[in-house]
N, C-alpha and C. Protein backbone atom coordinates (compact mmCIF):
# COMPACT_ATOMS: atom_id res chain seq x y z
N MET A 1 -39.70 -89.11 26.51
CA MET A 1 -40.77 -88.12 26.63
C MET A 1 -41.51 -88.35 27.94
N SER A 2 -41.76 -87.31 28.64
CA SER A 2 -42.51 -87.38 29.89
C SER A 2 -43.95 -87.78 29.62
N PRO A 3 -44.55 -88.65 30.48
CA PRO A 3 -45.95 -89.02 30.28
C PRO A 3 -46.89 -87.82 30.36
N ILE A 4 -46.45 -86.77 30.99
CA ILE A 4 -47.29 -85.58 31.10
C ILE A 4 -47.47 -84.94 29.74
N ASN A 5 -46.49 -85.09 28.86
CA ASN A 5 -46.55 -84.46 27.54
C ASN A 5 -47.23 -85.31 26.48
N ILE A 6 -47.67 -86.50 26.85
CA ILE A 6 -48.34 -87.37 25.89
C ILE A 6 -49.77 -86.86 25.71
N PRO A 7 -50.17 -86.60 24.47
CA PRO A 7 -51.52 -86.09 24.26
C PRO A 7 -52.56 -87.14 24.61
N ALA A 8 -53.69 -86.67 25.07
CA ALA A 8 -54.83 -87.54 25.37
C ALA A 8 -55.95 -87.20 24.40
N TYR A 9 -56.48 -88.21 23.75
CA TYR A 9 -57.55 -87.99 22.79
C TYR A 9 -58.86 -88.49 23.38
N ILE A 10 -59.87 -87.66 23.32
CA ILE A 10 -61.18 -88.02 23.83
C ILE A 10 -62.15 -87.99 22.65
N PRO A 11 -63.30 -88.66 22.78
CA PRO A 11 -64.27 -88.66 21.69
C PRO A 11 -64.64 -87.23 21.27
N THR A 12 -64.79 -87.04 19.98
CA THR A 12 -65.05 -85.71 19.43
C THR A 12 -66.29 -85.07 20.04
N ASN A 13 -67.35 -85.85 20.24
CA ASN A 13 -68.57 -85.27 20.79
C ASN A 13 -68.36 -84.77 22.23
N ILE A 14 -67.55 -85.46 22.99
CA ILE A 14 -67.24 -85.01 24.36
C ILE A 14 -66.38 -83.76 24.30
N TYR A 15 -65.40 -83.76 23.42
CA TYR A 15 -64.53 -82.59 23.26
C TYR A 15 -65.36 -81.36 22.89
N ARG A 16 -66.24 -81.50 21.91
CA ARG A 16 -67.05 -80.36 21.48
C ARG A 16 -68.01 -79.90 22.58
N ALA A 17 -68.59 -80.84 23.29
CA ALA A 17 -69.49 -80.47 24.40
C ALA A 17 -68.72 -79.73 25.49
N MET A 18 -67.51 -80.18 25.76
CA MET A 18 -66.69 -79.53 26.78
C MET A 18 -66.33 -78.11 26.34
N VAL A 19 -65.93 -77.95 25.09
CA VAL A 19 -65.60 -76.62 24.58
C VAL A 19 -66.83 -75.72 24.65
N ASP A 20 -68.00 -76.24 24.27
CA ASP A 20 -69.23 -75.46 24.35
C ASP A 20 -69.52 -75.01 25.77
N GLN A 21 -69.33 -75.92 26.73
CA GLN A 21 -69.57 -75.58 28.13
C GLN A 21 -68.57 -74.53 28.61
N LEU A 22 -67.33 -74.66 28.18
CA LEU A 22 -66.32 -73.68 28.59
C LEU A 22 -66.63 -72.30 28.02
N MET A 23 -67.19 -72.26 26.84
CA MET A 23 -67.50 -70.97 26.20
C MET A 23 -68.61 -70.22 26.94
N VAL A 24 -69.52 -70.96 27.55
CA VAL A 24 -70.68 -70.32 28.20
C VAL A 24 -70.77 -70.73 29.66
N ALA A 25 -69.63 -70.88 30.31
CA ALA A 25 -69.61 -71.39 31.68
C ALA A 25 -69.85 -70.29 32.70
N PRO A 26 -71.13 -69.99 32.96
CA PRO A 26 -71.38 -68.99 34.00
C PRO A 26 -71.06 -69.57 35.37
N ALA A 27 -70.51 -68.77 36.18
CA ALA A 27 -70.20 -69.21 37.54
C ALA A 27 -71.47 -69.11 38.38
N ALA A 28 -71.73 -70.15 39.14
CA ALA A 28 -72.89 -70.15 40.04
C ALA A 28 -72.62 -69.17 41.17
N PRO A 29 -73.68 -68.67 41.78
CA PRO A 29 -73.47 -67.75 42.92
C PRO A 29 -72.58 -68.41 43.99
N GLY A 30 -71.60 -67.70 44.42
CA GLY A 30 -70.68 -68.22 45.42
C GLY A 30 -69.50 -68.98 44.84
N HIS A 31 -69.49 -69.17 43.53
CA HIS A 31 -68.39 -69.86 42.87
C HIS A 31 -67.78 -68.94 41.83
N ASP A 32 -66.52 -69.11 41.60
CA ASP A 32 -65.88 -68.31 40.57
C ASP A 32 -65.78 -69.12 39.27
N LEU A 33 -65.34 -68.49 38.23
CA LEU A 33 -65.23 -69.15 36.93
C LEU A 33 -64.25 -70.31 36.98
N ARG A 34 -63.20 -70.17 37.76
CA ARG A 34 -62.22 -71.25 37.87
C ARG A 34 -62.87 -72.52 38.40
N THR A 35 -63.71 -72.40 39.41
CA THR A 35 -64.41 -73.55 39.96
C THR A 35 -65.25 -74.23 38.89
N ARG A 36 -65.96 -73.43 38.13
CA ARG A 36 -66.82 -73.97 37.06
C ARG A 36 -65.98 -74.69 36.00
N LEU A 37 -64.84 -74.11 35.64
CA LEU A 37 -63.97 -74.75 34.66
C LEU A 37 -63.44 -76.09 35.18
N VAL A 38 -63.06 -76.14 36.44
CA VAL A 38 -62.58 -77.39 37.04
C VAL A 38 -63.69 -78.43 37.01
N GLU A 39 -64.92 -78.03 37.31
CA GLU A 39 -66.05 -78.95 37.27
C GLU A 39 -66.27 -79.51 35.87
N ILE A 40 -66.20 -78.65 34.87
CA ILE A 40 -66.41 -79.08 33.48
C ILE A 40 -65.30 -80.04 33.05
N LEU A 41 -64.06 -79.68 33.34
CA LEU A 41 -62.94 -80.55 32.98
C LEU A 41 -63.02 -81.89 33.71
N GLY A 42 -63.37 -81.84 34.98
CA GLY A 42 -63.49 -83.08 35.76
C GLY A 42 -64.59 -83.98 35.23
N ALA A 43 -65.71 -83.39 34.82
CA ALA A 43 -66.80 -84.18 34.26
C ALA A 43 -66.37 -84.88 32.98
N ALA A 44 -65.40 -84.29 32.28
CA ALA A 44 -64.88 -84.89 31.05
C ALA A 44 -63.72 -85.85 31.35
N GLY A 45 -63.35 -85.98 32.62
CA GLY A 45 -62.26 -86.87 32.98
C GLY A 45 -60.88 -86.29 32.80
N VAL A 46 -60.79 -84.96 32.79
CA VAL A 46 -59.50 -84.29 32.63
C VAL A 46 -59.08 -83.79 34.01
N TRP A 47 -57.98 -84.36 34.52
CA TRP A 47 -57.50 -84.04 35.86
C TRP A 47 -56.01 -83.77 35.82
N PRO A 48 -55.52 -82.95 36.75
CA PRO A 48 -54.07 -82.73 36.83
C PRO A 48 -53.39 -83.99 37.38
N ILE A 49 -52.13 -84.16 37.04
CA ILE A 49 -51.38 -85.33 37.46
C ILE A 49 -51.33 -85.44 38.98
N SER A 50 -51.43 -84.34 39.69
CA SER A 50 -51.41 -84.39 41.15
C SER A 50 -52.58 -85.20 41.69
N CYS A 51 -53.71 -85.20 41.00
CA CYS A 51 -54.85 -86.01 41.43
C CYS A 51 -54.53 -87.49 41.30
N LEU A 52 -53.82 -87.86 40.24
CA LEU A 52 -53.41 -89.26 40.08
C LEU A 52 -52.46 -89.65 41.19
N GLU A 53 -51.52 -88.78 41.50
CA GLU A 53 -50.58 -89.08 42.58
C GLU A 53 -51.32 -89.26 43.90
N ASP A 54 -52.31 -88.42 44.16
CA ASP A 54 -53.11 -88.56 45.39
C ASP A 54 -53.85 -89.88 45.40
N ARG A 55 -54.43 -90.27 44.27
CA ARG A 55 -55.17 -91.54 44.19
C ARG A 55 -54.23 -92.72 44.40
N LEU A 56 -53.03 -92.65 43.83
CA LEU A 56 -52.07 -93.74 44.00
C LEU A 56 -51.63 -93.85 45.46
N ASP A 57 -51.41 -92.71 46.10
CA ASP A 57 -51.04 -92.71 47.52
C ASP A 57 -52.15 -93.31 48.37
N GLU A 58 -53.38 -92.93 48.09
CA GLU A 58 -54.52 -93.46 48.85
C GLU A 58 -54.65 -94.96 48.63
N ARG A 59 -54.46 -95.40 47.39
CA ARG A 59 -54.53 -96.84 47.08
C ARG A 59 -53.45 -97.58 47.86
N ARG A 60 -52.24 -97.04 47.90
CA ARG A 60 -51.15 -97.68 48.64
C ARG A 60 -51.50 -97.79 50.12
N ARG A 61 -52.04 -96.72 50.69
CA ARG A 61 -52.42 -96.73 52.11
C ARG A 61 -53.53 -97.75 52.37
N ARG A 62 -54.50 -97.83 51.45
CA ARG A 62 -55.60 -98.78 51.62
C ARG A 62 -55.08 -100.22 51.58
N LEU A 63 -54.18 -100.51 50.63
CA LEU A 63 -53.63 -101.85 50.54
C LEU A 63 -52.82 -102.21 51.78
N GLU A 64 -52.08 -101.25 52.33
CA GLU A 64 -51.33 -101.48 53.56
C GLU A 64 -52.27 -101.77 54.72
N ARG A 65 -53.39 -101.02 54.80
CA ARG A 65 -54.37 -101.27 55.87
C ARG A 65 -54.98 -102.65 55.73
N GLU A 66 -55.31 -103.06 54.51
CA GLU A 66 -55.89 -104.36 54.27
C GLU A 66 -54.94 -105.47 54.66
N LYS A 67 -53.65 -105.32 54.33
CA LYS A 67 -52.66 -106.30 54.72
C LYS A 67 -52.57 -106.40 56.24
N LYS A 68 -52.57 -105.25 56.89
CA LYS A 68 -52.49 -105.23 58.35
C LYS A 68 -53.71 -105.90 58.95
N ASP A 69 -54.89 -105.60 58.42
CA ASP A 69 -56.12 -106.20 58.93
C ASP A 69 -56.16 -107.71 58.72
N ASN A 70 -55.50 -108.19 57.66
CA ASN A 70 -55.47 -109.61 57.36
C ASN A 70 -54.28 -110.32 58.02
N GLY A 71 -53.50 -109.60 58.81
CA GLY A 71 -52.36 -110.17 59.50
C GLY A 71 -51.17 -110.44 58.61
N GLU A 72 -51.15 -109.84 57.42
CA GLU A 72 -50.02 -110.02 56.51
C GLU A 72 -48.93 -109.02 56.84
N LYS A 73 -47.73 -109.33 56.41
CA LYS A 73 -46.62 -108.41 56.61
C LYS A 73 -46.29 -107.70 55.36
């Protein structure tokens, strides 16, 4: 089974608060509803796998820089 298909369980109170926010998520001036939904999901710690891949790439680059700065190979 792909890790993407593994369900993630969050505390019930957070889940309910997130659903409540999604139900009444007015978009701020200059923002669309999609932006607001992304903000709500992100506040709950729900991110697309591409964000994890970006974080892992950045971590790899940072570790390589640190090794270079410390004279390691």
